[in-house]
Amino acid sequence: MRLIFAGTPEFAATALRALAAAGHEIALVLTRADKPAGRGQVLVASPVKELALQQGYPIAQPRTLRDRETWPVLQAVAADVMVVAAYGLILPAEVLAIPRLGCLNIHASLLPRWRGAAPIERAIEAGDVRTGVTIMQMDAGLDTGPMLLAETVAIHPEETGGALRERLAALGARLIVKALAELESGALVATGQPEQGVSYAARILKPETALDWNQPAGQLANRIRAFDPQPGVTAVLARGSGVALKIWRARPLAAAAGQPAPQPATVLAAPPGSLRVACGGGTALEILELQRAGSRRMAVADFLKGFPIEPGERLVLPPG
């Protein structure tokens, strides 16, 4: 089939590789504009753009698809289908109607749960034990279109956002190839999304990356692994002018029965080489891997050898 492909991160690039390997014609690739990165703020191409350049696919990087001037470019492709995966731009109704067979989206959740921008992170953060990928026919709503294919996977207890994203990328690539084959043969059946079980995976905002120690330890542990490797979570050791830390891995500890709850954010007495912090509800978080600014991720025992943290010290929210 003749395709327009719209996507930006590596999750989408995985699907693009699979579509090309399945013999589909990639007539045009849409991806987000290059973004500045690093200290030098050098413009960096998205993983999808890098792949398209390697393979010689035509590329367009509109800043919006609401601009009527971009529509003739898409119409001229005469595509059978547009495949969309983590693109990052809204497709207005006029664009959805351009491909002969419409637009198919690879969504990394079991719809209607976790419609929206960050379904992988929100599923882990919420403590979900399963998720999956849904291939859907796009309409004008936010991930509200009919479902075409879906497959479920378990979320492993210690799985990070990055690890789950890799698994779902591979699943999404396989399902979109299957969906296009069934669409071409006339075997693909659309099913409307149920009205029950709708939830929204809001975009992750910077304030969410700061650990609020008044929350229960289990909730914080879920957020830490959900936001690994991007955007990560932060805390500040209240020592001197403050020491910024990134917390990469942790596990919750149950409240000790019959003992008064320590003040949240307080470093607790713990066995040598371990770091425990009081959290809301009398729980505690045992930090297993962390990082100082300008350093590397380290196991807590190695970190504490070079930078001891004593019981009674406090981890606080970053300023601002």
C-alpha atoms as a PDB file:
ATOM      1  CA  MET A   1       0.000   0.000   0.000  1.00  0.00           C
ATOM      2  CA  ARG A   2       1.060   3.592  -0.580  1.00  0.00           C
ATOM      3  CA  LEU A   3       1.533   5.275   2.799  1.00  0.00           C
ATOM      4  CA  ILE A   4       2.067   8.579   4.479  1.00  0.00           C
ATOM      5  CA  PHE A   5       3.797   7.904   7.801  1.00  0.00           C
ATOM      6  CA  ALA A   6       3.560  10.444  10.651  1.00  0.00           C
ATOM      7  CA  GLY A   7       5.690   9.946  13.752  1.00  0.00           C
ATOM      8  CA  THR A   8       8.556  11.374  15.756  1.00  0.00           C
ATOM      9  CA  PRO A   9      10.286   9.253  18.472  1.00  0.00           C
ATOM     10  CA  GLU A  10      11.953   5.835  18.346  1.00  0.00           C
ATOM     11  CA  PHE A  11       8.598   4.220  19.179  1.00  0.00           C
ATOM     12  CA  ALA A  12       7.389   5.435  15.774  1.00  0.00           C
ATOM     13  CA  ALA A  13      10.634   4.598  13.968  1.00  0.00           C
ATOM     14  CA  THR A  14      10.169   0.955  14.987  1.00  0.00           C
ATOM     15  CA  ALA A  15       6.838   0.899  13.170  1.00  0.00           C
ATOM     16  CA  LEU A  16       8.261   2.659  10.120  1.00  0.00           C
ATOM     17  CA  ARG A  17      10.963  -0.018   9.776  1.00  0.00           C
ATOM     18  CA  ALA A  18       8.355  -2.763   9.996  1.00  0.00           C
ATOM     19  CA  LEU A  19       6.099  -1.167   7.391  1.00  0.00           C
ATOM     20  CA  ALA A  20       8.972  -0.814   4.940  1.00  0.00           C
ATOM     21  CA  ALA A  21      10.086  -4.405   5.581  1.00  0.00           C
ATOM     22  CA  ALA A  22       6.523  -5.576   4.864  1.00  0.00           C
ATOM     23  CA  GLY A  23       6.762  -4.070   1.391  1.00  0.00           C
ATOM     24  CA  HIS A  24       4.645  -0.958   1.824  1.00  0.00           C
ATOM     25  CA  GLU A  25       5.584   2.123  -0.173  1.00  0.00           C
ATOM     26  CA  ILE A  26       6.595   4.990   2.114  1.00  0.00           C
ATOM     27  CA  ALA A  27       5.555   7.912  -0.083  1.00  0.00           C
ATOM     28  CA  LEU A  28       5.984  10.665   2.540  1.00  0.00           C
ATOM     29  CA  VAL A  29       7.207  10.909   6.129  1.00  0.00           C
ATOM     30  CA  LEU A  30       5.846  13.588   8.449  1.00  0.00           C
ATOM     31  CA  THR A  31       7.781  14.318  11.636  1.00  0.00           C
ATOM     32  CA  ARG A  32       8.159  17.134  14.137  1.00  0.00           C
ATOM     33  CA  ALA A  33      10.575  19.996  13.557  1.00  0.00           C
ATOM     34  CA  ASP A  34      14.178  19.503  14.708  1.00  0.00           C
ATOM     35  CA  LYS A  35      14.670  20.486  18.346  1.00  0.00           C
ATOM     36  CA  PRO A  36      17.646  22.124  20.088  1.00  0.00           C
ATOM     37  CA  ALA A  37      19.422  19.800  22.510  1.00  0.00           C
ATOM     38  CA  GLY A  38      22.447  19.784  24.802  1.00  0.00           C
ATOM     39  CA  ARG A  39      24.425  22.685  26.182  1.00  0.00           C
ATOM     40  CA  GLY A  40      25.101  24.017  22.720  1.00  0.00           C
ATOM     41  CA  GLN A  41      21.403  23.830  21.798  1.00  0.00           C
ATOM     42  CA  VAL A  42      22.282  22.201  18.486  1.00  0.00           C
ATOM     43  CA  LEU A  43      19.267  21.238  16.375  1.00  0.00           C
ATOM     44  CA  VAL A  44      18.705  17.475  16.494  1.00  0.00           C
ATOM     45  CA  ALA A  45      16.550  15.454  14.097  1.00  0.00           C
ATOM     46  CA  SER A  46      13.932  13.073  15.436  1.00  0.00           C
ATOM     47  CA  PRO A  47      14.576   9.309  15.230  1.00  0.00           C
ATOM     48  CA  VAL A  48      11.932   9.092  12.501  1.00  0.00           C
ATOM     49  CA  LYS A  49      13.618  11.805  10.456  1.00  0.00           C
ATOM     50  CA  GLU A  50      17.018  10.135  10.858  1.00  0.00           C
ATOM     51  CA  LEU A  51      15.567   6.850   9.583  1.00  0.00           C
ATOM     52  CA  ALA A  52      13.794   8.577   6.687  1.00  0.00           C
ATOM     53  CA  LEU A  53      17.041  10.301   5.664  1.00  0.00           C
ATOM     54  CA  GLN A  54      18.891   6.966   5.756  1.00  0.00           C
ATOM     55  CA  GLN A  55      16.267   5.316   3.551  1.00  0.00           C
ATOM     56  CA  GLY A  56      15.730   8.266   1.224  1.00  0.00           C
ATOM     57  CA  TYR A  57      12.054   8.777   2.024  1.00  0.00           C
ATOM     58  CA  PRO A  58      10.526  12.191   1.219  1.00  0.00           C
ATOM     59  CA  ILE A  59      10.197  14.231   4.428  1.00  0.00           C
ATOM     60  CA  ALA A  60       7.955  17.111   5.512  1.00  0.00           C
ATOM     61  CA  GLN A  61       8.123  18.870   8.886  1.00  0.00           C
ATOM     62  CA  PRO A  62       5.126  21.181   9.147  1.00  0.00           C
ATOM     63  CA  ARG A  63       4.763  23.010  12.446  1.00  0.00           C
ATOM     64  CA  THR A  64       1.002  22.481  12.241  1.00  0.00           C
ATOM     65  CA  LEU A  65      -1.414  20.523  10.079  1.00  0.00           C
ATOM     66  CA  ARG A  66      -4.158  23.091  10.594  1.00  0.00           C
ATOM     67  CA  ASP A  67      -2.577  25.322   7.952  1.00  0.00           C
ATOM     68  CA  ARG A  68      -4.458  24.932   4.668  1.00  0.00           C
ATOM     69  CA  GLU A  69      -1.219  25.460   2.759  1.00  0.00           C
ATOM     70  CA  THR A  70       0.058  22.047   3.897  1.00  0.00           C
ATOM     71  CA  TRP A  71      -2.982  20.102   2.707  1.00  0.00           C
ATOM     72  CA  PRO A  72      -2.135  20.102  -1.035  1.00  0.00           C
ATOM     73  CA  VAL A  73       1.241  18.522  -0.186  1.00  0.00           C
ATOM     74  CA  LEU A  74      -0.561  15.605   1.446  1.00  0.00           C
ATOM     75  CA  GLN A  75      -3.204  15.368  -1.263  1.00  0.00           C
ATOM     76  CA  ALA A  76      -0.542  15.166  -3.967  1.00  0.00           C
ATOM     77  CA  VAL A  77       0.815  11.946  -2.422  1.00  0.00           C
ATOM     78  CA  ALA A  78      -2.417  10.081  -3.260  1.00  0.00           C
ATOM     79  CA  ALA A  79      -1.863   7.803  -0.279  1.00  0.00           C
ATOM     80  CA  ASP A  80      -4.004   4.795   0.525  1.00  0.00           C
ATOM     81  CA  VAL A  81      -3.489   5.228   4.283  1.00  0.00           C
ATOM     82  CA  MET A  82      -1.743   7.533   6.712  1.00  0.00           C
ATOM     83  CA  VAL A  83      -0.168   5.658   9.627  1.00  0.00           C
ATOM     84  CA  VAL A  84       0.304   7.771  12.756  1.00  0.00           C
ATOM     85  CA  ALA A  85       2.494   6.838  15.737  1.00  0.00           C
ATOM     86  CA  ALA A  86       3.446   9.290  18.497  1.00  0.00           C
ATOM     87  CA  TYR A  87       3.515  12.120  15.977  1.00  0.00           C
ATOM     88  CA  GLY A  88       2.779  14.995  18.342  1.00  0.00           C
ATOM     89  CA  LEU A  89       0.553  17.116  16.103  1.00  0.00           C
ATOM     90  CA  ILE A  90      -3.237  17.179  15.915  1.00  0.00           C
ATOM     91  CA  LEU A  91      -4.736  15.992  12.623  1.00  0.00           C
ATOM     92  CA  PRO A  92      -7.785  18.116  11.710  1.00  0.00           C
ATOM     93  CA  ALA A  93     -10.765  16.554   9.967  1.00  0.00           C
ATOM     94  CA  GLU A  94      -9.584  17.861   6.595  1.00  0.00           C
ATOM     95  CA  VAL A  95      -6.313  15.919   6.927  1.00  0.00           C
ATOM     96  CA  LEU A  96      -7.999  12.769   8.245  1.00  0.00           C
ATOM     97  CA  ALA A  97     -10.075  12.694   5.053  1.00  0.00           C
ATOM     98  CA  ILE A  98      -7.132  12.935   2.634  1.00  0.00           C
ATOM     99  CA  PRO A  99      -5.901   9.281   2.456  1.00  0.00           C
ATOM    100  CA  ARG A 100      -8.187   6.968   0.495  1.00  0.00           C
ATOM    101  CA  LEU A 101      -8.705   4.624   3.463  1.00  0.00           C
ATOM    102  CA  GLY A 102      -8.217   7.157   6.234  1.00  0.00           C
ATOM    103  CA  CYS A 103      -5.684   7.389   9.046  1.00  0.00           C
ATOM    104  CA  LEU A 104      -4.657   4.573  11.402  1.00  0.00           C
ATOM    105  CA  ASN A 105      -3.080   5.309  14.767  1.00  0.00           C
ATOM    106  CA  ILE A 106      -0.778   3.068  16.832  1.00  0.00           C
ATOM    107  CA  HIS A 107      -1.765   3.880  20.415  1.00  0.00           C
ATOM    108  CA  ALA A 108       0.208   2.462  23.351  1.00  0.00           C
ATOM    109  CA  SER A 109      -2.659   1.524  25.625  1.00  0.00           C
ATOM    110  CA  LEU A 110      -5.802  -0.579  25.737  1.00  0.00           C
ATOM    111  CA  LEU A 111      -8.366   2.012  24.731  1.00  0.00           C
ATOM    112  CA  PRO A 112     -10.423   3.639  26.089  1.00  0.00           C
ATOM    113  CA  ARG A 113      -8.048   3.578  29.067  1.00  0.00           C
ATOM    114  CA  TRP A 114      -5.244   6.127  28.802  1.00  0.00           C
ATOM    115  CA  ARG A 115      -6.257   8.184  25.830  1.00  0.00           C
ATOM    116  CA  GLY A 116      -3.822  11.043  25.329  1.00  0.00           C
ATOM    117  CA  ALA A 117      -0.161  11.957  25.268  1.00  0.00           C
ATOM    118  CA  ALA A 118       1.572   9.769  27.886  1.00  0.00           C
ATOM    119  CA  PRO A 119      -0.207   6.397  28.086  1.00  0.00           C
ATOM    120  CA  ILE A 120       2.889   4.343  28.928  1.00  0.00           C
ATOM    121  CA  GLU A 121       4.020   6.489  31.839  1.00  0.00           C
ATOM    122  CA  ARG A 122       0.513   6.935  33.233  1.00  0.00           C
ATOM    123  CA  ALA A 123      -0.172   3.199  33.195  1.00  0.00           C
ATOM    124  CA  ILE A 124       2.930   2.448  35.268  1.00  0.00           C
ATOM    125  CA  GLU A 125       2.388   5.432  37.541  1.00  0.00           C
ATOM    126  CA  ALA A 126      -1.156   4.256  38.290  1.00  0.00           C
ATOM    127  CA  GLY A 127       0.076   0.787  39.213  1.00  0.00           C
ATOM    128  CA  ASP A 128      -1.648  -0.941  36.272  1.00  0.00           C
ATOM    129  CA  VAL A 129      -0.686  -4.587  35.885  1.00  0.00           C
ATOM    130  CA  ARG A 130      -1.506  -4.764  32.183  1.00  0.00           C
ATOM    131  CA  THR A 131      -1.550  -2.545  29.137  1.00  0.00           C
ATOM    132  CA  GLY A 132      -1.132  -3.084  25.419  1.00  0.00           C
ATOM    133  CA  VAL A 133      -1.432  -1.529  21.980  1.00  0.00           C
ATOM    134  CA  THR A 134      -4.555  -0.526  20.111  1.00  0.00           C
ATOM    135  CA  ILE A 135      -4.670   0.116  16.368  1.00  0.00           C
ATOM    136  CA  MET A 136      -7.501   2.578  15.817  1.00  0.00           C
ATOM    137  CA  GLN A 137      -9.150   4.415  12.954  1.00  0.00           C
ATOM    138  CA  MET A 138      -8.592   8.070  13.710  1.00  0.00           C
ATOM    139  CA  ASP A 139     -11.439  10.544  13.993  1.00  0.00           C
ATOM    140  CA  ALA A 140     -11.614  14.167  15.120  1.00  0.00           C
ATOM    141  CA  GLY A 141     -11.627  13.276  18.842  1.00  0.00           C
ATOM    142  CA  LEU A 142      -8.702  12.599  21.179  1.00  0.00           C
ATOM    143  CA  ASP A 143      -8.029   8.882  20.621  1.00  0.00           C
ATOM    144  CA  THR A 144     -11.777   8.237  20.367  1.00  0.00           C
ATOM    145  CA  GLY A 145     -11.949   6.448  17.003  1.00  0.00           C
ATOM    146  CA  PRO A 146     -13.057   2.855  16.377  1.00  0.00           C
ATOM    147  CA  MET A 147     -10.671   0.075  17.417  1.00  0.00           C
ATOM    148  CA  LEU A 148      -9.317  -2.208  14.696  1.00  0.00           C
ATOM    149  CA  LEU A 149      -6.848  -4.462  16.536  1.00  0.00           C
ATOM    150  CA  ALA A 150      -5.614  -4.691  20.117  1.00  0.00           C
ATOM    151  CA  GLU A 151      -3.282  -6.911  22.096  1.00  0.00           C
ATOM    152  CA  THR A 152      -2.603  -7.049  25.832  1.00  0.00           C
ATOM    153  CA  VAL A 153       0.714  -7.396  27.658  1.00  0.00           C
ATOM    154  CA  ALA A 154       1.531  -7.626  31.356  1.00  0.00           C
ATOM    155  CA  ILE A 155       3.436  -4.800  33.029  1.00  0.00           C
ATOM    156  CA  HIS A 156       6.280  -6.382  34.997  1.00  0.00           C
ATOM    157  CA  PRO A 157       6.563  -5.322  38.674  1.00  0.00           C
ATOM    158  CA  GLU A 158       9.904  -3.526  38.259  1.00  0.00           C
ATOM    159  CA  GLU A 159       9.466  -2.445  34.635  1.00  0.00           C
ATOM    160  CA  THR A 160      10.461   1.103  33.720  1.00  0.00           C
ATOM    161  CA  GLY A 161       8.781   3.400  31.255  1.00  0.00           C
ATOM    162  CA  GLY A 162      11.675   2.942  28.837  1.00  0.00           C
ATOM    163  CA  ALA A 163      11.582  -0.860  28.956  1.00  0.00           C
ATOM    164  CA  LEU A 164       7.824  -0.993  28.501  1.00  0.00           C
ATOM    165  CA  ARG A 165       8.029   1.482  25.626  1.00  0.00           C
ATOM    166  CA  GLU A 166      10.449  -0.823  23.779  1.00  0.00           C
ATOM    167  CA  ARG A 167       8.127  -3.797  24.189  1.00  0.00           C
ATOM    168  CA  LEU A 168       5.075  -1.842  23.074  1.00  0.00           C
ATOM    169  CA  ALA A 169       6.955  -0.383  20.106  1.00  0.00           C
ATOM    170  CA  ALA A 170       7.677  -3.894  18.837  1.00  0.00           C
ATOM    171  CA  LEU A 171       4.070  -4.935  19.463  1.00  0.00           C
ATOM    172  CA  GLY A 172       2.705  -1.848  17.728  1.00  0.00           C
ATOM    173  CA  ALA A 173       4.929  -2.457  14.705  1.00  0.00           C
ATOM    174  CA  ARG A 174       3.658  -6.018  14.387  1.00  0.00           C
ATOM    175  CA  LEU A 175       0.012  -5.011  14.810  1.00  0.00           C
ATOM    176  CA  ILE A 176       0.086  -2.178  12.263  1.00  0.00           C
ATOM    177  CA  VAL A 177       1.539  -4.517   9.627  1.00  0.00           C
ATOM    178  CA  LYS A 178      -1.231  -7.016  10.423  1.00  0.00           C
ATOM    179  CA  ALA A 179      -3.881  -4.277  10.344  1.00  0.00           C
ATOM    180  CA  LEU A 180      -2.840  -3.051   6.899  1.00  0.00           C
ATOM    181  CA  ALA A 181      -2.826  -6.585   5.520  1.00  0.00           C
ATOM    182  CA  GLU A 182      -6.356  -7.155   6.822  1.00  0.00           C
ATOM    183  CA  LEU A 183      -7.472  -3.735   5.612  1.00  0.00           C
ATOM    184  CA  GLU A 184      -6.227  -4.532   2.117  1.00  0.00           C
ATOM    185  CA  SER A 185      -8.002  -7.889   2.101  1.00  0.00           C
ATOM    186  CA  GLY A 186     -11.236  -6.478   3.517  1.00  0.00           C
ATOM    187  CA  ALA A 187     -10.989  -8.565   6.702  1.00  0.00           C
ATOM    188  CA  LEU A 188     -10.420  -5.697   9.153  1.00  0.00           C
ATOM    189  CA  VAL A 189     -13.414  -5.079  11.455  1.00  0.00           C
ATOM    190  CA  ALA A 190     -13.890  -1.817  13.362  1.00  0.00           C
ATOM    191  CA  THR A 191     -15.333  -1.846  16.891  1.00  0.00           C
ATOM    192  CA  GLY A 192     -16.488   1.269  18.715  1.00  0.00           C
ATOM    193  CA  GLN A 193     -14.778   2.058  21.992  1.00  0.00           C
ATOM    194  CA  PRO A 194     -16.802   1.282  25.124  1.00  0.00           C
ATOM    195  CA  GLU A 195     -18.191   4.226  27.050  1.00  0.00           C
ATOM    196  CA  GLN A 196     -16.985   2.787  30.349  1.00  0.00           C
ATOM    197  CA  GLY A 197     -13.352   2.836  31.498  1.00  0.00           C
ATOM    198  CA  VAL A 198     -12.279   6.055  29.810  1.00  0.00           C
ATOM    199  CA  SER A 199      -9.205   7.718  31.307  1.00  0.00           C
ATOM    200  CA  TYR A 200      -6.781  10.342  30.049  1.00  0.00           C
ATOM    201  CA  ALA A 201      -2.994  10.211  30.008  1.00  0.00           C
ATOM    202  CA  ALA A 202      -2.110  13.876  30.355  1.00  0.00           C
ATOM    203  CA  ARG A 203       1.209  15.151  29.108  1.00  0.00           C
ATOM    204  CA  ILE A 204       3.903  15.019  31.823  1.00  0.00           C
ATOM    205  CA  LEU A 205       4.617  18.459  33.253  1.00  0.00           C
ATOM    206  CA  LYS A 206       7.865  19.512  34.919  1.00  0.00           C
ATOM    207  CA  PRO A 207       6.378  19.938  38.437  1.00  0.00           C
ATOM    208  CA  GLU A 208       5.461  16.245  38.378  1.00  0.00           C
ATOM    209  CA  THR A 209       9.131  15.265  38.208  1.00  0.00           C
ATOM    210  CA  ALA A 210       9.749  16.548  41.758  1.00  0.00           C
ATOM    211  CA  LEU A 211       9.075  13.899  44.409  1.00  0.00           C
ATOM    212  CA  ASP A 212       6.472  14.943  46.968  1.00  0.00           C
ATOM    213  CA  TRP A 213       7.429  12.952  50.042  1.00  0.00           C
ATOM    214  CA  ASN A 214       3.972  13.447  51.563  1.00  0.00           C
ATOM    215  CA  GLN A 215       2.695  10.869  49.083  1.00  0.00           C
ATOM    216  CA  PRO A 216       2.824   7.139  49.953  1.00  0.00           C
ATOM    217  CA  ALA A 217       6.027   5.308  49.074  1.00  0.00           C
ATOM    218  CA  GLY A 218       4.287   2.950  46.649  1.00  0.00           C
ATOM    219  CA  GLN A 219       2.996   5.861  44.613  1.00  0.00           C
ATOM    220  CA  LEU A 220       6.453   7.450  44.496  1.00  0.00           C
ATOM    221  CA  ALA A 221       8.121   4.184  43.486  1.00  0.00           C
ATOM    222  CA  ASN A 222       5.685   3.814  40.599  1.00  0.00           C
ATOM    223  CA  ARG A 223       6.384   7.341  39.418  1.00  0.00           C
ATOM    224  CA  ILE A 224      10.149   6.810  39.590  1.00  0.00           C
ATOM    225  CA  ARG A 225      10.031   3.786  37.295  1.00  0.00           C
ATOM    226  CA  ALA A 226       7.363   5.341  35.055  1.00  0.00           C
ATOM    227  CA  PHE A 227       9.568   8.392  34.412  1.00  0.00           C
ATOM    228  CA  ASP A 228      12.746   6.358  33.763  1.00  0.00           C
ATOM    229  CA  PRO A 229      14.579   7.302  31.554  1.00  0.00           C
ATOM    230  CA  GLN A 230      12.567  10.390  30.595  1.00  0.00           C
ATOM    231  CA  PRO A 231      11.965  12.824  32.165  1.00  0.00           C
ATOM    232  CA  GLY A 232      13.326  11.343  35.432  1.00  0.00           C
ATOM    233  CA  VAL A 233      12.414  12.454  38.952  1.00  0.00           C
ATOM    234  CA  THR A 234      14.274  14.867  41.205  1.00  0.00           C
ATOM    235  CA  ALA A 235      14.794  15.749  44.844  1.00  0.00           C
ATOM    236  CA  VAL A 236      17.068  18.133  46.689  1.00  0.00           C
ATOM    237  CA  LEU A 237      19.133  17.199  49.733  1.00  0.00           C
ATOM    238  CA  ALA A 238      18.731  20.085  52.179  1.00  0.00           C
ATOM    239  CA  ARG A 239      22.436  20.581  52.800  1.00  0.00           C
ATOM    240  CA  GLY A 240      24.157  23.909  52.270  1.00  0.00           C
ATOM    241  CA  SER A 241      22.624  25.574  49.233  1.00  0.00           C
ATOM    242  CA  GLY A 242      20.994  22.266  48.291  1.00  0.00           C
ATOM    243  CA  VAL A 243      22.265  19.185  46.449  1.00  0.00           C
ATOM    244  CA  ALA A 244      20.200  18.181  43.424  1.00  0.00           C
ATOM    245  CA  LEU A 245      19.606  14.459  43.035  1.00  0.00           C
ATOM    246  CA  LYS A 246      17.902  12.266  40.465  1.00  0.00           C
ATOM    247  CA  ILE A 247      16.284   9.147  41.858  1.00  0.00           C
ATOM    248  CA  TRP A 248      16.288   6.267  39.363  1.00  0.00           C
ATOM    249  CA  ARG A 249      15.232   3.171  41.250  1.00  0.00           C
ATOM    250  CA  ALA A 250      13.500   2.600  44.566  1.00  0.00           C
ATOM    251  CA  ARG A 251      11.168   0.243  46.393  1.00  0.00           C
ATOM    252  CA  PRO A 252       8.437   0.981  48.948  1.00  0.00           C
ATOM    253  CA  LEU A 253       8.650  -0.233  52.524  1.00  0.00           C
ATOM    254  CA  ALA A 254       5.599  -0.817  54.680  1.00  0.00           C
ATOM    255  CA  ALA A 255       4.948   1.243  57.790  1.00  0.00           C
ATOM    256  CA  ALA A 256       6.379  -0.191  61.006  1.00  0.00           C
ATOM    257  CA  ALA A 257       3.514  -1.302  63.250  1.00  0.00           C
ATOM    258  CA  GLY A 258       3.202   0.425  66.606  1.00  0.00           C
ATOM    259  CA  GLN A 259       5.815   3.103  65.863  1.00  0.00           C
ATOM    260  CA  PRO A 260       5.138   6.816  65.374  1.00  0.00           C
ATOM    261  CA  ALA A 261       5.349   7.908  61.745  1.00  0.00           C
ATOM    262  CA  PRO A 262       8.472   9.993  61.041  1.00  0.00           C
ATOM    263  CA  GLN A 263       8.089  13.297  59.258  1.00  0.00           C
ATOM    264  CA  PRO A 264       7.972  12.794  55.474  1.00  0.00           C
ATOM    265  CA  ALA A 265      11.191  13.646  53.588  1.00  0.00           C
ATOM    266  CA  THR A 266      13.371  12.683  56.564  1.00  0.00           C
ATOM    267  CA  VAL A 267      16.289  10.305  55.971  1.00  0.00           C
ATOM    268  CA  LEU A 268      15.817   7.316  58.285  1.00  0.00           C
ATOM    269  CA  ALA A 269      18.296   5.133  60.112  1.00  0.00           C
ATOM    270  CA  ALA A 270      19.086   2.178  57.853  1.00  0.00           C
ATOM    271  CA  PRO A 271      21.621  -0.639  57.409  1.00  0.00           C
ATOM    272  CA  PRO A 272      25.009   0.498  56.040  1.00  0.00           C
ATOM    273  CA  GLY A 273      25.001   1.114  52.298  1.00  0.00           C
ATOM    274  CA  SER A 274      21.267   1.791  52.135  1.00  0.00           C
ATOM    275  CA  LEU A 275      19.158   4.952  52.033  1.00  0.00           C
ATOM    276  CA  ARG A 276      15.612   5.152  53.301  1.00  0.00           C
ATOM    277  CA  VAL A 277      13.358   8.205  53.296  1.00  0.00           C
ATOM    278  CA  ALA A 278      10.116   8.685  55.202  1.00  0.00           C
ATOM    279  CA  CYS A 279       7.005   9.169  53.065  1.00  0.00           C
ATOM    280  CA  GLY A 280       3.329   9.822  53.612  1.00  0.00           C
ATOM    281  CA  GLY A 281       1.126   7.409  55.500  1.00  0.00           C
ATOM    282  CA  GLY A 282       3.992   6.171  57.653  1.00  0.00           C
ATOM    283  CA  THR A 283       5.622   4.429  54.688  1.00  0.00           C
ATOM    284  CA  ALA A 284       9.245   4.706  53.583  1.00  0.00           C
ATOM    285  CA  LEU A 285      11.048   4.625  50.263  1.00  0.00           C
ATOM    286  CA  GLU A 286      14.284   2.683  49.959  1.00  0.00           C
ATOM    287  CA  ILE A 287      16.363   4.343  47.245  1.00  0.00           C
ATOM    288  CA  LEU A 288      18.353   1.832  45.197  1.00  0.00           C
ATOM    289  CA  GLU A 289      19.893   3.943  42.428  1.00  0.00           C
ATOM    290  CA  LEU A 290      20.494   7.686  42.198  1.00  0.00           C
ATOM    291  CA  GLN A 291      22.632  10.373  40.608  1.00  0.00           C
ATOM    292  CA  ARG A 292      24.137  13.769  41.402  1.00  0.00           C
ATOM    293  CA  ALA A 293      24.290  16.504  38.801  1.00  0.00           C
ATOM    294  CA  GLY A 294      27.312  16.008  36.547  1.00  0.00           C
ATOM    295  CA  SER A 295      27.808  12.414  37.680  1.00  0.00           C
ATOM    296  CA  ARG A 296      26.490   9.036  36.547  1.00  0.00           C
ATOM    297  CA  ARG A 297      23.740   6.786  37.791  1.00  0.00           C
ATOM    298  CA  MET A 298      25.047   4.707  40.705  1.00  0.00           C
ATOM    299  CA  ALA A 299      23.843   1.952  42.990  1.00  0.00           C
ATOM    300  CA  VAL A 300      23.080   3.479  46.370  1.00  0.00           C
ATOM    301  CA  ALA A 301      25.927   1.680  48.197  1.00  0.00           C
ATOM    302  CA  ASP A 302      28.505   3.061  45.748  1.00  0.00           C
ATOM    303  CA  PHE A 303      26.925   6.519  45.881  1.00  0.00           C
ATOM    304  CA  LEU A 304      27.060   6.667  49.686  1.00  0.00           C
ATOM    305  CA  LYS A 305      30.749   5.709  49.753  1.00  0.00           C
ATOM    306  CA  GLY A 306      31.621   8.960  48.051  1.00  0.00           C
ATOM    307  CA  PHE A 307      28.750  11.074  49.337  1.00  0.00           C
ATOM    308  CA  PRO A 308      27.415   9.968  52.743  1.00  0.00           C
ATOM    309  CA  ILE A 309      23.862  10.973  53.686  1.00  0.00           C
ATOM    310  CA  GLU A 310      23.064  10.771  57.384  1.00  0.00           C
ATOM    311  CA  PRO A 311      19.844   9.928  59.241  1.00  0.00           C
ATOM    312  CA  GLY A 312      17.915  13.083  60.102  1.00  0.00           C
ATOM    313  CA  GLU A 313      18.847  14.931  56.909  1.00  0.00           C
ATOM    314  CA  ARG A 314      15.983  15.924  54.649  1.00  0.00           C
ATOM    315  CA  LEU A 315      15.147  15.608  50.960  1.00  0.00           C
ATOM    316  CA  VAL A 316      12.978  18.474  49.821  1.00  0.00           C
ATOM    317  CA  LEU A 317      11.226  19.700  46.701  1.00  0.00           C
ATOM    318  CA  PRO A 318      13.400  21.545  44.193  1.00  0.00           C
ATOM    319  CA  PRO A 319      12.904  25.338  44.246  1.00  0.00           C
ATOM    320  CA  GLY A 320      10.271  26.711  41.916  1.00  0.00           C
END
